Amino acid sequence: MANYTDVNGVPFTDEDIERWAAVDESEEGYTGEHLGPSRPGRPVSVGADVRPVTVRLDASRRAKLEELARDHQTSISQAIRELIDAI
């Protein structure tokens, strides 16, 4: 049995793949319940003039931003958008 690693470094095996396939092919189908509640992310309709902005942050500022997003159960991008909208 082979061992694999996903892009995030999480290991999985052929047995996992077989189990996932069985769930997907069952009458119940894939529910995604193990993923937990969804979080808001990129808005579905953001407009034609939307462009990404790259900002370099030191570790302290990045940690504050991550904490803010985690506390508000949102993404870092959404937290930044909300902070800008609050100005």
PDB file of N, CA and C in Angstrom:
ATOM      1  N   MET A   1       0.847  -1.180   0.000  1.00  0.00           N
ATOM      2  CA  MET A   1       0.000   0.000   0.000  1.00  0.00           C
ATOM      3  C   MET A   1       0.887   1.236   0.000  1.00  0.00           C
ATOM      4  N   ALA A   2       0.613   2.151  -0.910  1.00  0.00           N
ATOM      5  CA  ALA A   2       1.426   3.354  -1.044  1.00  0.00           C
ATOM      6  C   ALA A   2       0.988   4.431  -0.051  1.00  0.00           C
ATOM      7  N   ASN A   3       1.936   5.276   0.293  1.00  0.00           N
ATOM      8  CA  ASN A   3       1.651   6.441   1.116  1.00  0.00           C
ATOM      9  C   ASN A   3       1.858   7.681   0.271  1.00  0.00           C
ATOM     10  N   TYR A   4       0.957   8.652   0.450  1.00  0.00           N
ATOM     11  CA  TYR A   4       1.007   9.886  -0.313  1.00  0.00           C
ATOM     12  C   TYR A   4       0.983  11.063   0.656  1.00  0.00           C
ATOM     13  N   THR A   5       1.262  12.237   0.129  1.00  0.00           N
ATOM     14  CA  THR A   5       1.188  13.468   0.916  1.00  0.00           C
ATOM     15  C   THR A   5       0.498  14.520   0.071  1.00  0.00           C
ATOM     16  N   ASP A   6      -0.499  15.205   0.662  1.00  0.00           N
ATOM     17  CA  ASP A   6      -1.190  16.242  -0.099  1.00  0.00           C
ATOM     18  C   ASP A   6      -0.367  17.531  -0.096  1.00  0.00           C
ATOM     19  N   VAL A   7      -0.869  18.571  -0.757  1.00  0.00           N
ATOM     20  CA  VAL A   7      -0.123  19.818  -0.902  1.00  0.00           C
ATOM     21  C   VAL A   7       0.143  20.513   0.430  1.00  0.00           C
ATOM     22  N   ASN A   8      -0.637  20.185   1.457  1.00  0.00           N
ATOM     23  CA  ASN A   8      -0.441  20.768   2.782  1.00  0.00           C
ATOM     24  C   ASN A   8       0.419  19.895   3.683  1.00  0.00           C
ATOM     25  N   GLY A   9       0.953  18.800   3.136  1.00  0.00           N
ATOM     26  CA  GLY A   9       1.815  17.922   3.918  1.00  0.00           C
ATOM     27  C   GLY A   9       1.076  16.871   4.722  1.00  0.00           C
ATOM     28  N   VAL A  10      -0.230  16.730   4.514  1.00  0.00           N
ATOM     29  CA  VAL A  10      -1.020  15.742   5.253  1.00  0.00           C
ATOM     30  C   VAL A  10      -0.903  14.396   4.543  1.00  0.00           C
ATOM     31  N   PRO A  11      -0.475  13.352   5.275  1.00  0.00           N
ATOM     32  CA  PRO A  11      -0.330  12.046   4.636  1.00  0.00           C
ATOM     33  C   PRO A  11      -1.680  11.346   4.436  1.00  0.00           C
ATOM     34  N   PHE A  12      -1.767  10.526   3.375  1.00  0.00           N
ATOM     35  CA  PHE A  12      -2.922   9.667   3.154  1.00  0.00           C
ATOM     36  C   PHE A  12      -2.467   8.434   2.393  1.00  0.00           C
ATOM     37  N   THR A  13      -3.305   7.395   2.400  1.00  0.00           N
ATOM     38  CA  THR A  13      -2.931   6.102   1.819  1.00  0.00           C
ATOM     39  C   THR A  13      -3.939   5.681   0.762  1.00  0.00           C
ATOM     40  N   ASP A  14      -3.643   4.547   0.115  1.00  0.00           N
ATOM     41  CA  ASP A  14      -4.588   3.966  -0.833  1.00  0.00           C
ATOM     42  C   ASP A  14      -5.900   3.629  -0.131  1.00  0.00           C
ATOM     43  N   GLU A  15      -5.810   3.204   1.123  1.00  0.00           N
ATOM     44  CA  GLU A  15      -7.012   2.892   1.898  1.00  0.00           C
ATOM     45  C   GLU A  15      -7.906   4.129   2.047  1.00  0.00           C
ATOM     46  N   ASP A  16      -7.302   5.278   2.295  1.00  0.00           N
ATOM     47  CA  ASP A  16      -8.068   6.527   2.382  1.00  0.00           C
ATOM     48  C   ASP A  16      -8.764   6.822   1.053  1.00  0.00           C
ATOM     49  N   ILE A  17      -8.051   6.650  -0.043  1.00  0.00           N
ATOM     50  CA  ILE A  17      -8.619   6.911  -1.363  1.00  0.00           C
ATOM     51  C   ILE A  17      -9.809   5.999  -1.617  1.00  0.00           C
ATOM     52  N   GLU A  18      -9.682   4.725  -1.260  1.00  0.00           N
ATOM     53  CA  GLU A  18     -10.781   3.774  -1.436  1.00  0.00           C
ATOM     54  C   GLU A  18     -11.982   4.174  -0.587  1.00  0.00           C
ATOM     55  N   ARG A  19     -11.729   4.607   0.647  1.00  0.00           N
ATOM     56  CA  ARG A  19     -12.811   5.023   1.543  1.00  0.00           C
ATOM     57  C   ARG A  19     -13.515   6.256   0.984  1.00  0.00           C
ATOM     58  N   TRP A  20     -12.742   7.231   0.492  1.00  0.00           N
ATOM     59  CA  TRP A  20     -13.326   8.440  -0.087  1.00  0.00           C
ATOM     60  C   TRP A  20     -14.164   8.102  -1.320  1.00  0.00           C
ATOM     61  N   ALA A  21     -13.661   7.192  -2.143  1.00  0.00           N
ATOM     62  CA  ALA A  21     -14.398   6.796  -3.347  1.00  0.00           C
ATOM     63  C   ALA A  21     -15.706   6.110  -2.971  1.00  0.00           C
ATOM     64  N   ALA A  22     -15.671   5.251  -1.943  1.00  0.00           N
ATOM     65  CA  ALA A  22     -16.889   4.558  -1.509  1.00  0.00           C
ATOM     66  C   ALA A  22     -17.943   5.551  -1.037  1.00  0.00           C
ATOM     67  N   VAL A  23     -17.515   6.573  -0.294  1.00  0.00           N
ATOM     68  CA  VAL A  23     -18.455   7.596   0.164  1.00  0.00           C
ATOM     69  C   VAL A  23     -19.025   8.346  -1.028  1.00  0.00           C
ATOM     70  N   ASP A  24     -18.181   8.721  -1.960  1.00  0.00           N
ATOM     71  CA  ASP A  24     -18.618   9.485  -3.124  1.00  0.00           C
ATOM     72  C   ASP A  24     -19.590   8.694  -3.991  1.00  0.00           C
ATOM     73  N   GLU A  25     -19.380   7.384  -4.084  1.00  0.00           N
ATOM     74  CA  GLU A  25     -20.213   6.543  -4.936  1.00  0.00           C
ATOM     75  C   GLU A  25     -21.446   6.015  -4.215  1.00  0.00           C
ATOM     76  N   SER A  26     -21.579   6.288  -2.924  1.00  0.00           N
ATOM     77  CA  SER A  26     -22.730   5.808  -2.166  1.00  0.00           C
ATOM     78  C   SER A  26     -23.973   6.627  -2.501  1.00  0.00           C
ATOM     79  N   GLU A  27     -25.114   6.150  -2.039  1.00  0.00           N
ATOM     80  CA  GLU A  27     -26.374   6.872  -2.244  1.00  0.00           C
ATOM     81  C   GLU A  27     -26.345   8.225  -1.538  1.00  0.00           C
ATOM     82  N   GLU A  28     -25.673   8.267  -0.375  1.00  0.00           N
ATOM     83  CA  GLU A  28     -25.603   9.511   0.394  1.00  0.00           C
ATOM     84  C   GLU A  28     -24.771  10.552  -0.319  1.00  0.00           C
ATOM     85  N   GLY A  29     -23.697  10.112  -0.959  1.00  0.00           N
ATOM     86  CA  GLY A  29     -22.818  11.038  -1.650  1.00  0.00           C
ATOM     87  C   GLY A  29     -21.939  11.825  -0.697  1.00  0.00           C
ATOM     88  N   TYR A  30     -21.172  12.718  -1.234  1.00  0.00           N
ATOM     89  CA  TYR A  30     -20.232  13.523  -0.462  1.00  0.00           C
ATOM     90  C   TYR A  30     -20.967  14.658   0.222  1.00  0.00           C
ATOM     91  N   THR A  31     -20.826  14.756   1.548  1.00  0.00           N
ATOM     92  CA  THR A  31     -21.504  15.815   2.293  1.00  0.00           C
ATOM     93  C   THR A  31     -20.552  16.915   2.731  1.00  0.00           C
ATOM     94  N   GLY A  32     -19.280  16.586   2.888  1.00  0.00           N
ATOM     95  CA  GLY A  32     -18.307  17.574   3.324  1.00  0.00           C
ATOM     96  C   GLY A  32     -18.466  17.978   4.777  1.00  0.00           C
ATOM     97  N   GLU A  33     -19.229  17.200   5.566  1.00  0.00           N
ATOM     98  CA  GLU A  33     -19.490  17.550   6.958  1.00  0.00           C
ATOM     99  C   GLU A  33     -18.216  17.679   7.783  1.00  0.00           C
ATOM    100  N   HIS A  34     -17.192  16.941   7.436  1.00  0.00           N
ATOM    101  CA  HIS A  34     -15.950  16.974   8.209  1.00  0.00           C
ATOM    102  C   HIS A  34     -15.208  18.301   8.058  1.00  0.00           C
ATOM    103  N   LEU A  35     -15.622  19.116   7.118  1.00  0.00           N
ATOM    104  CA  LEU A  35     -14.937  20.378   6.869  1.00  0.00           C
ATOM    105  C   LEU A  35     -15.386  21.494   7.805  1.00  0.00           C
ATOM    106  N   GLY A  36     -16.540  21.345   8.451  1.00  0.00           N
ATOM    107  CA  GLY A  36     -17.044  22.373   9.348  1.00  0.00           C
ATOM    108  C   GLY A  36     -17.782  23.455   8.589  1.00  0.00           C
ATOM    109  N   PRO A  37     -18.165  24.517   9.282  1.00  0.00           N
ATOM    110  CA  PRO A  37     -18.939  25.572   8.636  1.00  0.00           C
ATOM    111  C   PRO A  37     -18.098  26.344   7.617  1.00  0.00           C
ATOM    112  N   SER A  38     -18.769  26.851   6.598  1.00  0.00           N
ATOM    113  CA  SER A  38     -18.050  27.627   5.590  1.00  0.00           C
ATOM    114  C   SER A  38     -17.740  29.019   6.123  1.00  0.00           C
ATOM    115  N   ARG A  39     -16.729  29.631   5.548  1.00  0.00           N
ATOM    116  CA  ARG A  39     -16.338  30.989   5.926  1.00  0.00           C
ATOM    117  C   ARG A  39     -16.470  31.883   4.719  1.00  0.00           C
ATOM    118  N   PRO A  40     -16.814  33.132   4.936  1.00  0.00           N
ATOM    119  CA  PRO A  40     -16.874  34.031   3.787  1.00  0.00           C
ATOM    120  C   PRO A  40     -15.476  34.227   3.208  1.00  0.00           C
ATOM    121  N   GLY A  41     -15.408  34.351   1.943  1.00  0.00           N
ATOM    122  CA  GLY A  41     -14.122  34.574   1.283  1.00  0.00           C
ATOM    123  C   GLY A  41     -14.292  35.634   0.221  1.00  0.00           C
ATOM    124  N   ARG A  42     -13.735  35.380  -0.927  1.00  0.00           N
ATOM    125  CA  ARG A  42     -13.848  36.332  -2.023  1.00  0.00           C
ATOM    126  C   ARG A  42     -15.319  36.463  -2.402  1.00  0.00           C
ATOM    127  N   PRO A  43     -15.816  37.678  -2.505  1.00  0.00           N
ATOM    128  CA  PRO A  43     -17.216  37.857  -2.896  1.00  0.00           C
ATOM    129  C   PRO A  43     -17.480  37.243  -4.264  1.00  0.00           C
ATOM    130  N   VAL A  44     -18.684  36.714  -4.453  1.00  0.00           N
ATOM    131  CA  VAL A  44     -19.041  36.082  -5.722  1.00  0.00           C
ATOM    132  C   VAL A  44     -18.964  37.086  -6.853  1.00  0.00           C
ATOM    133  N   SER A  45     -19.483  38.271  -6.640  1.00  0.00           N
ATOM    134  CA  SER A  45     -19.463  39.297  -7.667  1.00  0.00           C
ATOM    135  C   SER A  45     -18.668  40.488  -7.140  1.00  0.00           C
ATOM    136  N   VAL A  46     -17.462  40.652  -7.653  1.00  0.00           N
ATOM    137  CA  VAL A  46     -16.597  41.708  -7.134  1.00  0.00           C
ATOM    138  C   VAL A  46     -16.359  42.835  -8.129  1.00  0.00           C
ATOM    139  N   GLY A  47     -16.844  42.695  -9.326  1.00  0.00           N
ATOM    140  CA  GLY A  47     -16.704  43.763 -10.306  1.00  0.00           C
ATOM    141  C   GLY A  47     -15.544  43.534 -11.262  1.00  0.00           C
ATOM    142  N   ALA A  48     -15.589  44.264 -12.362  1.00  0.00           N
ATOM    143  CA  ALA A  48     -14.592  44.103 -13.418  1.00  0.00           C
ATOM    144  C   ALA A  48     -13.282  44.807 -13.094  1.00  0.00           C
ATOM    145  N   ASP A  49     -13.319  45.799 -12.208  1.00  0.00           N
ATOM    146  CA  ASP A  49     -12.119  46.589 -11.932  1.00  0.00           C
ATOM    147  C   ASP A  49     -11.329  46.091 -10.727  1.00  0.00           C
ATOM    148  N   VAL A  50     -11.605  44.879 -10.269  1.00  0.00           N
ATOM    149  CA  VAL A  50     -10.930  44.327  -9.095  1.00  0.00           C
ATOM    150  C   VAL A  50      -9.522  43.879  -9.451  1.00  0.00           C
ATOM    151  N   ARG A  51      -8.554  44.283  -8.618  1.00  0.00           N
ATOM    152  CA  ARG A  51      -7.159  43.859  -8.799  1.00  0.00           C
ATOM    153  C   ARG A  51      -6.586  43.510  -7.440  1.00  0.00           C
ATOM    154  N   PRO A  52      -5.737  42.498  -7.367  1.00  0.00           N
ATOM    155  CA  PRO A  52      -5.120  42.136  -6.086  1.00  0.00           C
ATOM    156  C   PRO A  52      -4.111  43.179  -5.639  1.00  0.00           C
ATOM    157  N   VAL A  53      -3.904  43.265  -4.332  1.00  0.00           N
ATOM    158  CA  VAL A  53      -2.913  44.156  -3.739  1.00  0.00           C
ATOM    159  C   VAL A  53      -2.019  43.301  -2.848  1.00  0.00           C
ATOM    160  N   THR A  54      -0.734  43.438  -3.009  1.00  0.00           N
ATOM    161  CA  THR A  54       0.217  42.702  -2.188  1.00  0.00           C
ATOM    162  C   THR A  54       0.808  43.639  -1.149  1.00  0.00           C
ATOM    163  N   VAL A  55       0.778  43.203   0.099  1.00  0.00           N
ATOM    164  CA  VAL A  55       1.313  44.002   1.194  1.00  0.00           C
ATOM    165  C   VAL A  55       2.288  43.134   1.983  1.00  0.00           C
ATOM    166  N   ARG A  56       3.461  43.646   2.247  1.00  0.00           N
ATOM    167  CA  ARG A  56       4.433  42.914   3.058  1.00  0.00           C
ATOM    168  C   ARG A  56       4.244  43.311   4.517  1.00  0.00           C
ATOM    169  N   LEU A  57       4.099  42.288   5.372  1.00  0.00           N
ATOM    170  CA  LEU A  57       3.905  42.521   6.804  1.00  0.00           C
ATOM    171  C   LEU A  57       4.958  41.784   7.595  1.00  0.00           C
ATOM    172  N   ASP A  58       5.434  42.410   8.668  1.00  0.00           N
ATOM    173  CA  ASP A  58       6.357  41.698   9.551  1.00  0.00           C
ATOM    174  C   ASP A  58       5.542  40.660  10.335  1.00  0.00           C
ATOM    175  N   ALA A  59       6.226  39.793  11.046  1.00  0.00           N
ATOM    176  CA  ALA A  59       5.575  38.681  11.746  1.00  0.00           C
ATOM    177  C   ALA A  59       4.546  39.151  12.761  1.00  0.00           C
ATOM    178  N   SER A  60       4.835  40.238  13.450  1.00  0.00           N
ATOM    179  CA  SER A  60       3.930  40.750  14.467  1.00  0.00           C
ATOM    180  C   SER A  60       2.620  41.237  13.853  1.00  0.00           C
ATOM    181  N   ARG A  61       2.708  42.003  12.791  1.00  0.00           N
ATOM    182  CA  ARG A  61       1.500  42.508  12.133  1.00  0.00           C
ATOM    183  C   ARG A  61       0.712  41.373  11.494  1.00  0.00           C
ATOM    184  N   ARG A  62       1.411  40.421  10.880  1.00  0.00           N
ATOM    185  CA  ARG A  62       0.739  39.262  10.275  1.00  0.00           C
ATOM    186  C   ARG A  62      -0.015  38.484  11.352  1.00  0.00           C
ATOM    187  N   ALA A  63       0.599  38.288  12.512  1.00  0.00           N
ATOM    188  CA  ALA A  63      -0.045  37.564  13.606  1.00  0.00           C
ATOM    189  C   ALA A  63      -1.301  38.289  14.082  1.00  0.00           C
ATOM    190  N   LYS A  64      -1.225  39.633  14.172  1.00  0.00           N
ATOM    191  CA  LYS A  64      -2.401  40.411  14.576  1.00  0.00           C
ATOM    192  C   LYS A  64      -3.531  40.251  13.562  1.00  0.00           C
ATOM    193  N   LEU A  65      -3.186  40.287  12.288  1.00  0.00           N
ATOM    194  CA  LEU A  65      -4.188  40.150  11.242  1.00  0.00           C
ATOM    195  C   LEU A  65      -4.813  38.755  11.264  1.00  0.00           C
ATOM    196  N   GLU A  66      -3.989  37.729  11.434  1.00  0.00           N
ATOM    197  CA  GLU A  66      -4.500  36.357  11.519  1.00  0.00           C
ATOM    198  C   GLU A  66      -5.412  36.185  12.729  1.00  0.00           C
ATOM    199  N   GLU A  67      -5.034  36.788  13.851  1.00  0.00           N
ATOM    200  CA  GLU A  67      -5.857  36.709  15.060  1.00  0.00           C
ATOM    201  C   GLU A  67      -7.203  37.403  14.846  1.00  0.00           C
ATOM    202  N   LEU A  68      -7.180  38.573  14.218  1.00  0.00           N
ATOM    203  CA  LEU A  68      -8.411  39.296  13.925  1.00  0.00           C
ATOM    204  C   LEU A  68      -9.341  38.448  13.058  1.00  0.00           C
ATOM    205  N   ALA A  69      -8.797  37.876  12.002  1.00  0.00           N
ATOM    206  CA  ALA A  69      -9.605  37.048  11.099  1.00  0.00           C
ATOM    207  C   ALA A  69     -10.146  35.826  11.837  1.00  0.00           C
ATOM    208  N   ARG A  70      -9.322  35.179  12.630  1.00  0.00           N
ATOM    209  CA  ARG A  70      -9.746  34.001  13.385  1.00  0.00           C
ATOM    210  C   ARG A  70     -10.846  34.369  14.381  1.00  0.00           C
ATOM    211  N   ASP A  71     -10.668  35.482  15.104  1.00  0.00           N
ATOM    212  CA  ASP A  71     -11.661  35.917  16.095  1.00  0.00           C
ATOM    213  C   ASP A  71     -13.005  36.242  15.450  1.00  0.00           C
ATOM    214  N   HIS A  72     -12.971  36.740  14.211  1.00  0.00           N
ATOM    215  CA  HIS A  72     -14.207  37.087  13.508  1.00  0.00           C
ATOM    216  C   HIS A  72     -14.675  35.968  12.576  1.00  0.00           C
ATOM    217  N   GLN A  73     -13.984  34.834  12.647  1.00  0.00           N
ATOM    218  CA  GLN A  73     -14.317  33.648  11.838  1.00  0.00           C
ATOM    219  C   GLN A  73     -14.469  34.008  10.362  1.00  0.00           C
ATOM    220  N   THR A  74     -13.445  34.659   9.851  1.00  0.00           N
ATOM    221  CA  THR A  74     -13.448  35.064   8.455  1.00  0.00           C
ATOM    222  C   THR A  74     -12.050  34.867   7.877  1.00  0.00           C
ATOM    223  N   SER A  75     -11.901  35.164   6.606  1.00  0.00           N
ATOM    224  CA  SER A  75     -10.589  35.055   5.966  1.00  0.00           C
ATOM    225  C   SER A  75      -9.801  36.337   6.197  1.00  0.00           C
ATOM    226  N   ILE A  76      -8.509  36.255   5.993  1.00  0.00           N
ATOM    227  CA  ILE A  76      -7.663  37.445   6.110  1.00  0.00           C
ATOM    228  C   ILE A  76      -8.079  38.484   5.075  1.00  0.00           C
ATOM    229  N   SER A  77      -8.371  38.041   3.851  1.00  0.00           N
ATOM    230  CA  SER A  77      -8.785  38.975   2.806  1.00  0.00           C
ATOM    231  C   SER A  77     -10.065  39.704   3.186  1.00  0.00           C
ATOM    232  N   GLN A  78     -11.038  38.968   3.725  1.00  0.00           N
ATOM    233  CA  GLN A  78     -12.303  39.602   4.108  1.00  0.00           C
ATOM    234  C   GLN A  78     -12.080  40.560   5.275  1.00  0.00           C
ATOM    235  N   ALA A  79     -11.231  40.201   6.213  1.00  0.00           N
ATOM    236  CA  ALA A  79     -10.936  41.093   7.339  1.00  0.00           C
ATOM    237  C   ALA A  79     -10.322  42.401   6.840  1.00  0.00           C
ATOM    238  N   ILE A  80      -9.419  42.316   5.872  1.00  0.00           N
ATOM    239  CA  ILE A  80      -8.800  43.523   5.314  1.00  0.00           C
ATOM    240  C   ILE A  80      -9.847  44.377   4.602  1.00  0.00           C
ATOM    241  N   ARG A  81     -10.726  43.719   3.810  1.00  0.00           N
ATOM    242  CA  ARG A  81     -11.781  44.483   3.125  1.00  0.00           C
ATOM    243  C   ARG A  81     -12.664  45.218   4.137  1.00  0.00           C
ATOM    244  N   GLU A  82     -13.017  44.529   5.225  1.00  0.00           N
ATOM    245  CA  GLU A  82     -13.885  45.148   6.237  1.00  0.00           C
ATOM    246  C   GLU A  82     -13.170  46.287   6.951  1.00  0.00           C
ATOM    247  N   LEU A  83     -11.868  46.142   7.211  1.00  0.00           N
ATOM    248  CA  LEU A  83     -11.116  47.228   7.828  1.00  0.00           C
ATOM    249  C   LEU A  83     -11.069  48.451   6.925  1.00  0.00           C
ATOM    250  N   ILE A  84     -10.853  48.242   5.647  1.00  0.00           N
ATOM    251  CA  ILE A  84     -10.823  49.352   4.690  1.00  0.00           C
ATOM    252  C   ILE A  84     -12.188  50.014   4.614  1.00  0.00           C
ATOM    253  N   ASP A  85     -13.257  49.208   4.564  1.00  0.00           N
ATOM    254  CA  ASP A  85     -14.616  49.763   4.500  1.00  0.00           C
ATOM    255  C   ASP A  85     -14.959  50.575   5.744  1.00  0.00           C
ATOM    256  N   ALA A  86     -14.329  50.273   6.861  1.00  0.00           N
ATOM    257  CA  ALA A  86     -14.603  50.982   8.122  1.00  0.00           C
ATOM    258  C   ALA A  86     -13.942  52.364   8.178  1.00  0.00           C
ATOM    259  N   ILE A  87     -13.052  52.638   7.253  1.00  0.00           N
ATOM    260  CA  ILE A  87     -12.337  53.939   7.252  1.00  0.00           C
ATOM    261  C   ILE A  87     -13.265  55.032   6.775  1.00  0.00           C
TER     262      ILE A  87
END
